[in-house]
Amino acid sequence: MALLQVNIPDELKAQFEQTFPGQDINGLIGRLMRDALEQNNLNQREKRSKAVEELLALRKETPPVSSKEIQKARELGHP
């Protein structure tokens, strides 16, 4: 297990101890970190999913291009 040192204001520590008497602060911080990581992963998946949906929607709007047209554009140096 790794050791993580965190400085928090005395007032915050006092509020924590008053609100959660006898609670293991290390365990709680570990759970909060785990929850934050899970939330971040969920947000990233949602962003990727939205990006894929937007790309697929754009693809539906884009007219098909033949391989001959693609080759011609390459020869002309168009992106």
PDB file of N, CA and C in Angstrom:
ATOM      1  N   MET A   1       0.852  -1.170   0.000  1.00  0.00           N
ATOM      2  CA  MET A   1       0.000   0.000   0.000  1.00  0.00           C
ATOM      3  C   MET A   1       0.899   1.233   0.000  1.00  0.00           C
ATOM      4  N   ALA A   2       0.489   2.263  -0.716  1.00  0.00           N
ATOM      5  CA  ALA A   2       1.258   3.494  -0.828  1.00  0.00           C
ATOM      6  C   ALA A   2       0.863   4.469   0.276  1.00  0.00           C
ATOM      7  N   LEU A   3       1.790   5.323   0.621  1.00  0.00           N
ATOM      8  CA  LEU A   3       1.537   6.367   1.603  1.00  0.00           C
ATOM      9  C   LEU A   3       1.350   7.684   0.858  1.00  0.00           C
ATOM     10  N   LEU A   4       0.239   8.352   1.134  1.00  0.00           N
ATOM     11  CA  LEU A   4      -0.062   9.630   0.502  1.00  0.00           C
ATOM     12  C   LEU A   4      -0.201  10.658   1.608  1.00  0.00           C
ATOM     13  N   GLN A   5       0.607  11.695   1.549  1.00  0.00           N
ATOM     14  CA  GLN A   5       0.508  12.756   2.543  1.00  0.00           C
ATOM     15  C   GLN A   5      -0.253  13.918   1.938  1.00  0.00           C
ATOM     16  N   VAL A   6      -1.282  14.350   2.654  1.00  0.00           N
ATOM     17  CA  VAL A   6      -2.123  15.439   2.182  1.00  0.00           C
ATOM     18  C   VAL A   6      -2.251  16.460   3.296  1.00  0.00           C
ATOM     19  N   ASN A   7      -2.043  17.705   2.971  1.00  0.00           N
ATOM     20  CA  ASN A   7      -2.248  18.783   3.935  1.00  0.00           C
ATOM     21  C   ASN A   7      -3.647  19.350   3.753  1.00  0.00           C
ATOM     22  N   ILE A   8      -4.394  19.365   4.832  1.00  0.00           N
ATOM     23  CA  ILE A   8      -5.728  19.951   4.792  1.00  0.00           C
ATOM     24  C   ILE A   8      -5.823  20.986   5.905  1.00  0.00           C
ATOM     25  N   PRO A   9      -6.669  21.969   5.720  1.00  0.00           N
ATOM     26  CA  PRO A   9      -6.820  22.990   6.774  1.00  0.00           C
ATOM     27  C   PRO A   9      -7.333  22.358   8.070  1.00  0.00           C
ATOM     28  N   ASP A  10      -6.861  22.895   9.193  1.00  0.00           N
ATOM     29  CA  ASP A  10      -7.288  22.388  10.499  1.00  0.00           C
ATOM     30  C   ASP A  10      -8.803  22.446  10.652  1.00  0.00           C
ATOM     31  N   GLU A  11      -9.406  23.511  10.125  1.00  0.00           N
ATOM     32  CA  GLU A  11     -10.867  23.674  10.221  1.00  0.00           C
ATOM     33  C   GLU A  11     -11.594  22.537   9.504  1.00  0.00           C
ATOM     34  N   LEU A  12     -11.085  22.144   8.330  1.00  0.00           N
ATOM     35  CA  LEU A  12     -11.703  21.054   7.575  1.00  0.00           C
ATOM     36  C   LEU A  12     -11.584  19.737   8.341  1.00  0.00           C
ATOM     37  N   LYS A  13     -10.419  19.493   8.926  1.00  0.00           N
ATOM     38  CA  LYS A  13     -10.226  18.267   9.709  1.00  0.00           C
ATOM     39  C   LYS A  13     -11.171  18.243  10.905  1.00  0.00           C
ATOM     40  N   ALA A  14     -11.308  19.393  11.572  1.00  0.00           N
ATOM     41  CA  ALA A  14     -12.200  19.471  12.726  1.00  0.00           C
ATOM     42  C   ALA A  14     -13.652  19.220  12.315  1.00  0.00           C
ATOM     43  N   GLN A  15     -14.075  19.786  11.173  1.00  0.00           N
ATOM     44  CA  GLN A  15     -15.438  19.554  10.679  1.00  0.00           C
ATOM     45  C   GLN A  15     -15.650  18.078  10.352  1.00  0.00           C
ATOM     46  N   PHE A  16     -14.643  17.463   9.739  1.00  0.00           N
ATOM     47  CA  PHE A  16     -14.746  16.044   9.409  1.00  0.00           C
ATOM     48  C   PHE A  16     -14.915  15.220  10.680  1.00  0.00           C
ATOM     49  N   GLU A  17     -14.054  15.471  11.658  1.00  0.00           N
ATOM     50  CA  GLU A  17     -14.110  14.698  12.904  1.00  0.00           C
ATOM     51  C   GLU A  17     -15.420  14.907  13.641  1.00  0.00           C
ATOM     52  N   GLN A  18     -15.986  16.108  13.534  1.00  0.00           N
ATOM     53  CA  GLN A  18     -17.269  16.387  14.178  1.00  0.00           C
ATOM     54  C   GLN A  18     -18.409  15.685  13.432  1.00  0.00           C
ATOM     55  N   THR A  19     -18.347  15.691  12.106  1.00  0.00           N
ATOM     56  CA  THR A  19     -19.415  15.105  11.294  1.00  0.00           C
ATOM     57  C   THR A  19     -19.339  13.583  11.272  1.00  0.00           C
ATOM     58  N   PHE A  20     -18.116  13.055  11.260  1.00  0.00           N
ATOM     59  CA  PHE A  20     -17.916  11.604  11.185  1.00  0.00           C
ATOM     60  C   PHE A  20     -17.061  11.121  12.358  1.00  0.00           C
ATOM     61  N   PRO A  21     -17.595  11.200  13.576  1.00  0.00           N
ATOM     62  CA  PRO A  21     -16.786  10.811  14.728  1.00  0.00           C
ATOM     63  C   PRO A  21     -16.397   9.324  14.662  1.00  0.00           C
ATOM     64  N   GLY A  22     -15.126   9.062  14.923  1.00  0.00           N
ATOM     65  CA  GLY A  22     -14.648   7.688  14.932  1.00  0.00           C
ATOM     66  C   GLY A  22     -14.438   7.081  13.560  1.00  0.00           C
ATOM     67  N   GLN A  23     -14.731   7.819  12.488  1.00  0.00           N
ATOM     68  CA  GLN A  23     -14.589   7.305  11.117  1.00  0.00           C
ATOM     69  C   GLN A  23     -13.114   7.298  10.728  1.00  0.00           C
ATOM     70  N   ASP A  24     -12.714   6.276  10.007  1.00  0.00           N
ATOM     71  CA  ASP A  24     -11.343   6.171   9.522  1.00  0.00           C
ATOM     72  C   ASP A  24     -11.157   7.116   8.343  1.00  0.00           C
ATOM     73  N   ILE A  25     -10.419   8.195   8.557  1.00  0.00           N
ATOM     74  CA  ILE A  25     -10.232   9.200   7.513  1.00  0.00           C
ATOM     75  C   ILE A  25      -9.479   8.623   6.321  1.00  0.00           C
ATOM     76  N   ASN A  26      -8.524   7.732   6.574  1.00  0.00           N
ATOM     77  CA  ASN A  26      -7.772   7.124   5.467  1.00  0.00           C
ATOM     78  C   ASN A  26      -8.679   6.278   4.587  1.00  0.00           C
ATOM     79  N   GLY A  27      -9.567   5.518   5.206  1.00  0.00           N
ATOM     80  CA  GLY A  27     -10.504   4.698   4.440  1.00  0.00           C
ATOM     81  C   GLY A  27     -11.455   5.553   3.625  1.00  0.00           C
ATOM     82  N   LEU A  28     -11.930   6.634   4.238  1.00  0.00           N
ATOM     83  CA  LEU A  28     -12.848   7.526   3.539  1.00  0.00           C
ATOM     84  C   LEU A  28     -12.156   8.201   2.355  1.00  0.00           C
ATOM     85  N   ILE A  29     -10.947   8.673   2.554  1.00  0.00           N
ATOM     86  CA  ILE A  29     -10.216   9.314   1.458  1.00  0.00           C
ATOM     87  C   ILE A  29      -9.970   8.313   0.335  1.00  0.00           C
ATOM     88  N   GLY A  30      -9.642   7.077   0.688  1.00  0.00           N
ATOM     89  CA  GLY A  30      -9.469   6.039  -0.330  1.00  0.00           C
ATOM     90  C   GLY A  30     -10.744   5.825  -1.135  1.00  0.00           C
ATOM     91  N   ARG A  31     -11.894   5.767  -0.432  1.00  0.00           N
ATOM     92  CA  ARG A  31     -13.175   5.596  -1.143  1.00  0.00           C
ATOM     93  C   ARG A  31     -13.480   6.795  -2.021  1.00  0.00           C
ATOM     94  N   LEU A  32     -13.209   8.000  -1.525  1.00  0.00           N
ATOM     95  CA  LEU A  32     -13.448   9.204  -2.327  1.00  0.00           C
ATOM     96  C   LEU A  32     -12.579   9.214  -3.581  1.00  0.00           C
ATOM     97  N   MET A  33     -11.326   8.793  -3.447  1.00  0.00           N
ATOM     98  CA  MET A  33     -10.436   8.737  -4.603  1.00  0.00           C
ATOM     99  C   MET A  33     -10.944   7.708  -5.608  1.00  0.00           C
ATOM    100  N   ARG A  34     -11.388   6.554  -5.106  1.00  0.00           N
ATOM    101  CA  ARG A  34     -11.933   5.514  -5.988  1.00  0.00           C
ATOM    102  C   ARG A  34     -13.171   6.031  -6.719  1.00  0.00           C
ATOM    103  N   ASP A  35     -14.053   6.693  -5.973  1.00  0.00           N
ATOM    104  CA  ASP A  35     -15.272   7.251  -6.580  1.00  0.00           C
ATOM    105  C   ASP A  35     -14.924   8.286  -7.649  1.00  0.00           C
ATOM    106  N   ALA A  36     -13.931   9.137  -7.364  1.00  0.00           N
ATOM    107  CA  ALA A  36     -13.522  10.166  -8.333  1.00  0.00           C
ATOM    108  C   ALA A  36     -12.977   9.521  -9.601  1.00  0.00           C
ATOM    109  N   LEU A  37     -12.194   8.453  -9.453  1.00  0.00           N
ATOM    110  CA  LEU A  37     -11.658   7.751 -10.625  1.00  0.00           C
ATOM    111  C   LEU A  37     -12.775   7.114 -11.445  1.00  0.00           C
ATOM    112  N   GLU A  38     -13.732   6.486 -10.767  1.00  0.00           N
ATOM    113  CA  GLU A  38     -14.858   5.873 -11.480  1.00  0.00           C
ATOM    114  C   GLU A  38     -15.666   6.928 -12.224  1.00  0.00           C
ATOM    115  N   GLN A  39     -15.898   8.073 -11.580  1.00  0.00           N
ATOM    116  CA  GLN A  39     -16.656   9.151 -12.217  1.00  0.00           C
ATOM    117  C   GLN A  39     -15.907   9.685 -13.429  1.00  0.00           C
ATOM    118  N   ASN A  40     -14.597   9.834 -13.301  1.00  0.00           N
ATOM    119  CA  ASN A  40     -13.785  10.300 -14.418  1.00  0.00           C
ATOM    120  C   ASN A  40     -13.857   9.313 -15.582  1.00  0.00           C
ATOM    121  N   ASN A  41     -13.762   8.024 -15.282  1.00  0.00           N
ATOM    122  CA  ASN A  41     -13.854   7.005 -16.339  1.00  0.00           C
ATOM    123  C   ASN A  41     -15.219   7.043 -17.018  1.00  0.00           C
ATOM    124  N   LEU A  42     -16.258   7.214 -16.237  1.00  0.00           N
ATOM    125  CA  LEU A  42     -17.608   7.307 -16.790  1.00  0.00           C
ATOM    126  C   LEU A  42     -17.727   8.526 -17.702  1.00  0.00           C
ATOM    127  N   ASN A  43     -17.195   9.663 -17.253  1.00  0.00           N
ATOM    128  CA  ASN A  43     -17.243  10.884 -18.070  1.00  0.00           C
ATOM    129  C   ASN A  43     -16.489  10.687 -19.380  1.00  0.00           C
ATOM    130  N   GLN A  44     -15.335  10.034 -19.331  1.00  0.00           N
ATOM    131  CA  GLN A  44     -14.549   9.802 -20.540  1.00  0.00           C
ATOM    132  C   GLN A  44     -15.311   8.904 -21.517  1.00  0.00           C
ATOM    133  N   ARG A  45     -15.953   7.848 -20.996  1.00  0.00           N
ATOM    134  CA  ARG A  45     -16.738   6.958 -21.864  1.00  0.00           C
ATOM    135  C   ARG A  45     -17.892   7.718 -22.510  1.00  0.00           C
ATOM    136  N   GLU A  46     -18.556   8.593 -21.721  1.00  0.00           N
ATOM    137  CA  GLU A  46     -19.664   9.377 -22.266  1.00  0.00           C
ATOM    138  C   GLU A  46     -19.181  10.330 -23.363  1.00  0.00           C
ATOM    139  N   LYS A  47     -18.023  10.953 -23.152  1.00  0.00           N
ATOM    140  CA  LYS A  47     -17.471  11.859 -24.165  1.00  0.00           C
ATOM    141  C   LYS A  47     -17.137  11.101 -25.444  1.00  0.00           C
ATOM    142  N   ARG A  48     -16.526   9.916 -25.301  1.00  0.00           N
ATOM    143  CA  ARG A  48     -16.192   9.116 -26.486  1.00  0.00           C
ATOM    144  C   ARG A  48     -17.447   8.696 -27.224  1.00  0.00           C
ATOM    145  N   SER A  49     -18.455   8.279 -26.465  1.00  0.00           N
ATOM    146  CA  SER A  49     -19.705   7.845 -27.072  1.00  0.00           C
ATOM    147  C   SER A  49     -20.355   8.994 -27.843  1.00  0.00           C
ATOM    148  N   LYS A  50     -20.341  10.180 -27.246  1.00  0.00           N
ATOM    149  CA  LYS A  50     -20.919  11.350 -27.918  1.00  0.00           C
ATOM    150  C   LYS A  50     -20.139  11.683 -29.189  1.00  0.00           C
ATOM    151  N   ALA A  51     -18.815  11.599 -29.121  1.00  0.00           N
ATOM    152  CA  ALA A  51     -17.988  11.884 -30.300  1.00  0.00           C
ATOM    153  C   ALA A  51     -18.279  10.893 -31.420  1.00  0.00           C
ATOM    154  N   VAL A  52     -18.427   9.619 -31.074  1.00  0.00           N
ATOM    155  CA  VAL A  52     -18.736   8.604 -32.086  1.00  0.00           C
ATOM    156  C   VAL A  52     -20.093   8.888 -32.713  1.00  0.00           C
ATOM    157  N   GLU A  53     -21.081   9.225 -31.886  1.00  0.00           N
ATOM    158  CA  GLU A  53     -22.405   9.542 -32.414  1.00  0.00           C
ATOM    159  C   GLU A  53     -22.345  10.729 -33.373  1.00  0.00           C
ATOM    160  N   GLU A  54     -21.571  11.761 -33.022  1.00  0.00           N
ATOM    161  CA  GLU A  54     -21.453  12.937 -33.887  1.00  0.00           C
ATOM    162  C   GLU A  54     -20.768  12.586 -35.202  1.00  0.00           C
ATOM    163  N   LEU A  55     -19.728  11.766 -35.133  1.00  0.00           N
ATOM    164  CA  LEU A  55     -19.043  11.344 -36.362  1.00  0.00           C
ATOM    165  C   LEU A  55     -19.965  10.527 -37.265  1.00  0.00           C
ATOM    166  N   LEU A  56     -20.731   9.626 -36.656  1.00  0.00           N
ATOM    167  CA  LEU A  56     -21.665   8.819 -37.452  1.00  0.00           C
ATOM    168  C   LEU A  56     -22.744   9.692 -38.079  1.00  0.00           C
ATOM    169  N   ALA A  57     -23.201  10.707 -37.354  1.00  0.00           N
ATOM    170  CA  ALA A  57     -24.209  11.621 -37.905  1.00  0.00           C
ATOM    171  C   ALA A  57     -23.621  12.400 -39.081  1.00  0.00           C
ATOM    172  N   LEU A  58     -22.379  12.874 -38.938  1.00  0.00           N
ATOM    173  CA  LEU A  58     -21.724  13.578 -40.047  1.00  0.00           C
ATOM    174  C   LEU A  58     -21.542  12.663 -41.249  1.00  0.00           C
ATOM    175  N   ARG A  59     -21.231  11.414 -40.973  1.00  0.00           N
ATOM    176  CA  ARG A  59     -21.017  10.457 -42.065  1.00  0.00           C
ATOM    177  C   ARG A  59     -22.296  10.266 -42.882  1.00  0.00           C
ATOM    178  N   LYS A  60     -23.442  10.298 -42.208  1.00  0.00           N
ATOM    179  CA  LYS A  60     -24.720  10.156 -42.910  1.00  0.00           C
ATOM    180  C   LYS A  60     -24.979  11.341 -43.835  1.00  0.00           C
ATOM    181  N   GLU A  61     -24.479  12.519 -43.449  1.00  0.00           N
ATOM    182  CA  GLU A  61     -24.699  13.734 -44.232  1.00  0.00           C
ATOM    183  C   GLU A  61     -23.711  13.882 -45.388  1.00  0.00           C
ATOM    184  N   THR A  62     -22.604  13.192 -45.323  1.00  0.00           N
ATOM    185  CA  THR A  62     -21.563  13.329 -46.335  1.00  0.00           C
ATOM    186  C   THR A  62     -21.890  12.445 -47.531  1.00  0.00           C
ATOM    187  N   PRO A  63     -21.917  13.018 -48.726  1.00  0.00           N
ATOM    188  CA  PRO A  63     -22.216  12.199 -49.900  1.00  0.00           C
ATOM    189  C   PRO A  63     -21.071  11.209 -50.171  1.00  0.00           C
ATOM    190  N   PRO A  64     -21.408  10.038 -50.671  1.00  0.00           N
ATOM    191  CA  PRO A  64     -20.364   9.060 -50.971  1.00  0.00           C
ATOM    192  C   PRO A  64     -19.421   9.559 -52.066  1.00  0.00           C
ATOM    193  N   VAL A  65     -18.178   9.145 -51.984  1.00  0.00           N
ATOM    194  CA  VAL A  65     -17.166   9.531 -52.954  1.00  0.00           C
ATOM    195  C   VAL A  65     -16.577   8.251 -53.532  1.00  0.00           C
ATOM    196  N   SER A  66     -16.465   8.213 -54.862  1.00  0.00           N
ATOM    197  CA  SER A  66     -15.926   7.011 -55.506  1.00  0.00           C
ATOM    198  C   SER A  66     -14.417   6.943 -55.321  1.00  0.00           C
ATOM    199  N   SER A  67     -13.865   5.775 -55.501  1.00  0.00           N
ATOM    200  CA  SER A  67     -12.415   5.608 -55.382  1.00  0.00           C
ATOM    201  C   SER A  67     -11.697   6.410 -56.468  1.00  0.00           C
ATOM    202  N   LYS A  68     -12.332   6.574 -57.633  1.00  0.00           N
ATOM    203  CA  LYS A  68     -11.727   7.386 -58.697  1.00  0.00           C
ATOM    204  C   LYS A  68     -11.622   8.854 -58.268  1.00  0.00           C
ATOM    205  N   GLU A  69     -12.677   9.352 -57.613  1.00  0.00           N
ATOM    206  CA  GLU A  69     -12.659  10.735 -57.140  1.00  0.00           C
ATOM    207  C   GLU A  69     -11.592  10.925 -56.049  1.00  0.00           C
ATOM    208  N   ILE A  70     -11.449   9.935 -55.204  1.00  0.00           N
ATOM    209  CA  ILE A  70     -10.427  10.000 -54.151  1.00  0.00           C
ATOM    210  C   ILE A  70      -9.036  10.038 -54.781  1.00  0.00           C
ATOM    211  N   GLN A  71      -8.806   9.170 -55.750  1.00  0.00           N
ATOM    212  CA  GLN A  71      -7.505   9.124 -56.414  1.00  0.00           C
ATOM    213  C   GLN A  71      -7.209  10.443 -57.122  1.00  0.00           C
ATOM    214  N   LYS A  72      -8.223  11.015 -57.780  1.00  0.00           N
ATOM    215  CA  LYS A  72      -8.041  12.280 -58.476  1.00  0.00           C
ATOM    216  C   LYS A  72      -7.674  13.399 -57.494  1.00  0.00           C
ATOM    217  N   ALA A  73      -8.339  13.420 -56.339  1.00  0.00           N
ATOM    218  CA  ALA A  73      -8.046  14.428 -55.318  1.00  0.00           C
ATOM    219  C   ALA A  73      -6.619  14.258 -54.798  1.00  0.00           C
ATOM    220  N   ARG A  74      -6.174  13.022 -54.632  1.00  0.00           N
ATOM    221  CA  ARG A  74      -4.803  12.765 -54.197  1.00  0.00           C
ATOM    222  C   ARG A  74      -3.796  13.275 -55.213  1.00  0.00           C
ATOM    223  N   GLU A  75      -4.073  13.041 -56.458  1.00  0.00           N
ATOM    224  CA  GLU A  75      -3.164  13.471 -57.524  1.00  0.00           C
ATOM    225  C   GLU A  75      -3.080  14.997 -57.588  1.00  0.00           C
ATOM    226  N   LEU A  76      -4.207  15.653 -57.291  1.00  0.00           N
ATOM    227  CA  LEU A  76      -4.240  17.116 -57.325  1.00  0.00           C
ATOM    228  C   LEU A  76      -3.682  17.719 -56.026  1.00  0.00           C
ATOM    229  N   GLY A  77      -3.457  16.880 -55.050  1.00  0.00           N
ATOM    230  CA  GLY A  77      -2.896  17.345 -53.791  1.00  0.00           C
ATOM    231  C   GLY A  77      -3.903  17.930 -52.831  1.00  0.00           C
ATOM    232  N   HIS A  78      -5.167  17.593 -52.993  1.00  0.00           N
ATOM    233  CA  HIS A  78      -6.193  18.079 -52.079  1.00  0.00           C
ATOM    234  C   HIS A  78      -6.267  17.157 -50.875  1.00  0.00           C
ATOM    235  N   PRO A  79      -6.520  17.736 -49.723  1.00  0.00           N
ATOM    236  CA  PRO A  79      -6.642  16.910 -48.508  1.00  0.00           C
ATOM    237  C   PRO A  79      -7.910  16.076 -48.529  1.00  0.00           C
TER     238      PRO A  79
END
